[in-house]
């Protein structure tokens, strides 16, 4: 009789992929719930990798305003129940 074959733990790997997909969709949903202004700021900061001063110059607003708005936008995302 042949030796039993060892099978990799495919279920755990698939569960991780599913979890990542669900978490990604939750984050995307939370992002889409933000105002257009908040989404634009976050995209400029994290997608375009601009500094706060570069964002301020790009939008024509004070750097302090960018700093406060970015902070508030991130806080809105943190407070979303689907992110936690």
N, C-alpha and C. Protein backbone atom coordinates (compact mmCIF):
# COMPACT_ATOMS: atom_id res chain seq x y z
N UNK A 1 0.85 -1.18 0.00
CA UNK A 1 0.00 0.00 0.00
C UNK A 1 0.90 1.24 0.00
N UNK A 2 0.60 2.21 -0.86
CA UNK A 2 1.44 3.40 -0.93
C UNK A 2 1.28 4.28 0.32
N UNK A 3 2.30 5.07 0.57
CA UNK A 3 2.26 6.00 1.70
C UNK A 3 1.21 7.08 1.44
N UNK A 4 0.54 7.55 2.49
CA UNK A 4 -0.42 8.64 2.28
C UNK A 4 0.31 9.89 1.79
N UNK A 5 -0.37 10.62 0.96
CA UNK A 5 0.21 11.84 0.40
C UNK A 5 -0.14 13.01 1.29
N UNK A 6 0.85 13.83 1.56
CA UNK A 6 0.63 15.04 2.34
C UNK A 6 0.09 16.13 1.43
N UNK A 7 -1.01 16.73 1.80
CA UNK A 7 -1.58 17.83 1.03
C UNK A 7 -1.35 19.13 1.79
N UNK A 8 -0.98 20.16 1.08
CA UNK A 8 -0.79 21.45 1.77
C UNK A 8 -2.12 21.94 2.33
N UNK A 9 -2.03 22.80 3.31
CA UNK A 9 -3.23 23.36 3.94
C UNK A 9 -3.81 24.45 3.04
N UNK A 10 -4.55 24.03 2.03
CA UNK A 10 -5.10 24.98 1.07
C UNK A 10 -6.23 25.81 1.67
N UNK A 11 -6.93 25.27 2.61
CA UNK A 11 -8.06 25.98 3.19
C UNK A 11 -7.59 27.25 3.89
N UNK A 12 -6.54 27.16 4.67
CA UNK A 12 -6.04 28.34 5.39
C UNK A 12 -5.58 29.41 4.41
N UNK A 13 -4.93 28.99 3.33
CA UNK A 13 -4.47 29.96 2.34
C UNK A 13 -5.65 30.64 1.66
N UNK A 14 -6.66 29.89 1.31
CA UNK A 14 -7.84 30.47 0.68
C UNK A 14 -8.57 31.40 1.64
N UNK A 15 -8.63 31.02 2.92
CA UNK A 15 -9.28 31.88 3.90
C UNK A 15 -8.57 33.22 4.00
N UNK A 16 -7.24 33.21 3.96
CA UNK A 16 -6.46 34.44 4.01
C UNK A 16 -6.74 35.33 2.82
N UNK A 17 -6.84 34.71 1.66
CA UNK A 17 -7.14 35.49 0.45
C UNK A 17 -8.54 36.08 0.53
N UNK A 18 -9.48 35.31 1.03
CA UNK A 18 -10.85 35.79 1.17
C UNK A 18 -10.91 36.93 2.18
N UNK A 19 -10.20 36.77 3.29
CA UNK A 19 -10.16 37.81 4.31
C UNK A 19 -9.57 39.10 3.75
N UNK A 20 -8.50 38.98 2.98
CA UNK A 20 -7.89 40.16 2.37
C UNK A 20 -8.86 40.84 1.41
N UNK A 21 -9.61 40.04 0.67
CA UNK A 21 -10.59 40.59 -0.27
C UNK A 21 -11.69 41.34 0.48
N UNK A 22 -12.19 40.74 1.54
CA UNK A 22 -13.26 41.37 2.33
C UNK A 22 -12.75 42.64 2.98
N UNK A 23 -11.55 42.60 3.56
CA UNK A 23 -11.00 43.79 4.19
C UNK A 23 -10.77 44.88 3.15
N UNK A 24 -10.30 44.50 1.97
CA UNK A 24 -10.08 45.48 0.91
C UNK A 24 -11.37 46.14 0.48
N UNK A 25 -12.43 45.36 0.37
CA UNK A 25 -13.71 45.94 -0.04
C UNK A 25 -14.28 46.83 1.06
N UNK A 26 -14.03 46.47 2.32
CA UNK A 26 -14.49 47.31 3.43
C UNK A 26 -13.77 48.65 3.41
N UNK A 27 -12.47 48.60 3.17
CA UNK A 27 -11.70 49.84 3.12
C UNK A 27 -12.16 50.68 1.94
N UNK A 28 -12.37 50.04 0.80
CA UNK A 28 -12.82 50.77 -0.38
C UNK A 28 -14.18 51.41 -0.12
N UNK A 29 -15.08 50.67 0.51
CA UNK A 29 -16.40 51.21 0.83
C UNK A 29 -16.30 52.40 1.77
N UNK A 30 -15.43 52.29 2.76
CA UNK A 30 -15.24 53.41 3.70
C UNK A 30 -14.65 54.61 2.97
N UNK A 31 -13.70 54.37 2.08
CA UNK A 31 -13.08 55.44 1.31
C UNK A 31 -14.13 56.14 0.45
N UNK A 32 -14.99 55.37 -0.19
CA UNK A 32 -16.03 55.94 -1.05
C UNK A 32 -17.06 56.72 -0.25
N UNK A 33 -17.17 56.46 1.05
CA UNK A 33 -18.14 57.19 1.87
C UNK A 33 -17.64 58.58 2.24
N UNK A 34 -16.35 58.84 2.04
CA UNK A 34 -15.80 60.16 2.34
C UNK A 34 -16.24 61.19 1.31
N UNK A 35 -16.11 62.44 1.67
CA UNK A 35 -16.44 63.51 0.73
C UNK A 35 -15.41 63.51 -0.41
N UNK A 36 -15.77 64.12 -1.50
CA UNK A 36 -14.86 64.23 -2.64
C UNK A 36 -13.57 64.93 -2.22
N UNK A 37 -13.70 65.96 -1.40
CA UNK A 37 -12.54 66.72 -0.92
C UNK A 37 -11.60 65.82 -0.11
N UNK A 38 -12.16 65.01 0.79
CA UNK A 38 -11.34 64.10 1.59
C UNK A 38 -10.67 63.05 0.71
N UNK A 39 -11.41 62.49 -0.23
CA UNK A 39 -10.84 61.48 -1.13
C UNK A 39 -9.70 62.08 -1.94
N UNK A 40 -9.88 63.30 -2.44
CA UNK A 40 -8.84 63.94 -3.23
C UNK A 40 -7.57 64.13 -2.41
N UNK A 41 -7.72 64.61 -1.18
CA UNK A 41 -6.55 64.80 -0.31
C UNK A 41 -5.82 63.49 -0.07
N UNK A 42 -6.57 62.43 0.25
CA UNK A 42 -5.94 61.14 0.52
C UNK A 42 -5.28 60.57 -0.73
N UNK A 43 -5.89 60.76 -1.88
CA UNK A 43 -5.28 60.29 -3.12
C UNK A 43 -3.98 61.04 -3.41
N UNK A 44 -4.00 62.35 -3.22
CA UNK A 44 -2.79 63.13 -3.45
C UNK A 44 -1.67 62.71 -2.50
N UNK A 45 -2.04 62.45 -1.25
CA UNK A 45 -1.03 62.09 -0.26
C UNK A 45 -0.50 60.67 -0.46
N UNK A 46 -1.40 59.70 -0.64
CA UNK A 46 -0.99 58.30 -0.63
C UNK A 46 -0.86 57.67 -2.01
N UNK A 47 -1.65 58.10 -2.95
CA UNK A 47 -1.55 57.56 -4.30
C UNK A 47 -0.46 58.29 -5.09
N UNK A 48 -0.48 59.62 -5.02
CA UNK A 48 0.51 60.43 -5.74
C UNK A 48 1.77 60.65 -4.91
N UNK A 49 1.72 60.29 -3.61
CA UNK A 49 2.86 60.40 -2.70
C UNK A 49 3.39 61.82 -2.60
N UNK A 50 2.47 62.79 -2.56
CA UNK A 50 2.86 64.19 -2.42
C UNK A 50 3.01 64.53 -0.94
N UNK A 51 3.91 65.44 -0.64
CA UNK A 51 4.04 65.94 0.73
C UNK A 51 2.89 66.91 1.02
N UNK A 52 2.73 67.24 2.29
CA UNK A 52 1.68 68.19 2.65
C UNK A 52 1.92 69.55 2.00
N UNK A 53 3.16 69.97 1.92
CA UNK A 53 3.44 71.26 1.29
C UNK A 53 3.16 71.20 -0.22
N UNK A 54 3.45 70.07 -0.86
CA UNK A 54 3.17 69.94 -2.28
C UNK A 54 1.66 69.90 -2.54
N UNK A 55 0.91 69.26 -1.64
CA UNK A 55 -0.55 69.24 -1.77
C UNK A 55 -1.10 70.65 -1.61
N UNK A 56 -0.60 71.36 -0.63
CA UNK A 56 -1.04 72.74 -0.39
C UNK A 56 -0.80 73.60 -1.63
N UNK A 57 0.37 73.47 -2.20
CA UNK A 57 0.70 74.24 -3.41
C UNK A 57 -0.20 73.82 -4.57
N UNK A 58 -0.41 72.52 -4.72
CA UNK A 58 -1.25 72.00 -5.80
C UNK A 58 -2.69 72.51 -5.69
N UNK A 59 -3.22 72.54 -4.47
CA UNK A 59 -4.61 72.95 -4.26
C UNK A 59 -4.76 74.45 -4.01
N UNK A 60 -3.65 75.13 -3.76
CA UNK A 60 -3.72 76.56 -3.50
C UNK A 60 -4.31 76.89 -2.14
N UNK A 61 -4.02 76.04 -1.15
CA UNK A 61 -4.51 76.27 0.21
C UNK A 61 -3.32 76.22 1.17
N UNK A 62 -3.48 76.77 2.38
CA UNK A 62 -2.38 76.74 3.34
C UNK A 62 -2.01 75.30 3.75
N UNK A 63 -0.73 75.11 4.05
CA UNK A 63 -0.25 73.79 4.46
C UNK A 63 -0.93 73.31 5.74
N UNK A 64 -1.18 74.23 6.67
CA UNK A 64 -1.87 73.87 7.91
C UNK A 64 -3.26 73.32 7.64
N UNK A 65 -3.94 73.87 6.63
CA UNK A 65 -5.27 73.39 6.26
C UNK A 65 -5.18 71.96 5.73
N UNK A 66 -4.16 71.69 4.93
CA UNK A 66 -3.95 70.33 4.40
C UNK A 66 -3.72 69.38 5.56
N UNK A 67 -2.87 69.76 6.49
CA UNK A 67 -2.55 68.91 7.64
C UNK A 67 -3.82 68.56 8.43
N UNK A 68 -4.63 69.55 8.73
CA UNK A 68 -5.86 69.33 9.50
C UNK A 68 -6.84 68.46 8.72
N UNK A 69 -7.02 68.74 7.44
CA UNK A 69 -7.97 67.98 6.63
C UNK A 69 -7.54 66.53 6.46
N UNK A 70 -6.23 66.30 6.28
CA UNK A 70 -5.74 64.92 6.19
C UNK A 70 -5.97 64.18 7.50
N UNK A 71 -5.70 64.85 8.61
CA UNK A 71 -5.92 64.23 9.91
C UNK A 71 -7.39 63.84 10.07
N UNK A 72 -8.28 64.76 9.75
CA UNK A 72 -9.72 64.50 9.89
C UNK A 72 -10.20 63.39 8.96
N UNK A 73 -9.68 63.36 7.75
CA UNK A 73 -10.07 62.31 6.80
C UNK A 73 -9.62 60.94 7.30
N UNK A 74 -8.39 60.86 7.82
CA UNK A 74 -7.90 59.58 8.37
C UNK A 74 -8.71 59.17 9.59
N UNK A 75 -9.10 60.13 10.41
CA UNK A 75 -9.92 59.83 11.58
C UNK A 75 -11.29 59.28 11.16
N UNK A 76 -11.87 59.84 10.12
CA UNK A 76 -13.16 59.34 9.62
C UNK A 76 -13.03 57.88 9.20
N UNK A 77 -11.93 57.55 8.56
CA UNK A 77 -11.71 56.16 8.15
C UNK A 77 -11.52 55.25 9.36
N UNK A 78 -10.76 55.72 10.34
CA UNK A 78 -10.51 54.91 11.53
C UNK A 78 -11.79 54.62 12.31
N UNK A 79 -12.74 55.53 12.27
CA UNK A 79 -13.97 55.39 13.04
C UNK A 79 -15.01 54.52 12.35
N UNK A 80 -14.76 54.15 11.10
CA UNK A 80 -15.73 53.31 10.37
C UNK A 80 -15.73 51.92 10.97
N UNK A 81 -16.90 51.39 11.34
CA UNK A 81 -16.94 50.06 11.98
C UNK A 81 -16.42 48.94 11.09
N UNK A 82 -16.56 49.04 9.78
CA UNK A 82 -16.12 47.96 8.90
C UNK A 82 -14.59 47.89 8.78
N UNK A 83 -13.90 48.93 9.22
CA UNK A 83 -12.43 48.94 9.17
C UNK A 83 -11.87 48.27 10.43
N UNK A 84 -12.59 48.31 11.52
CA UNK A 84 -12.07 47.84 12.80
C UNK A 84 -12.18 46.38 12.98
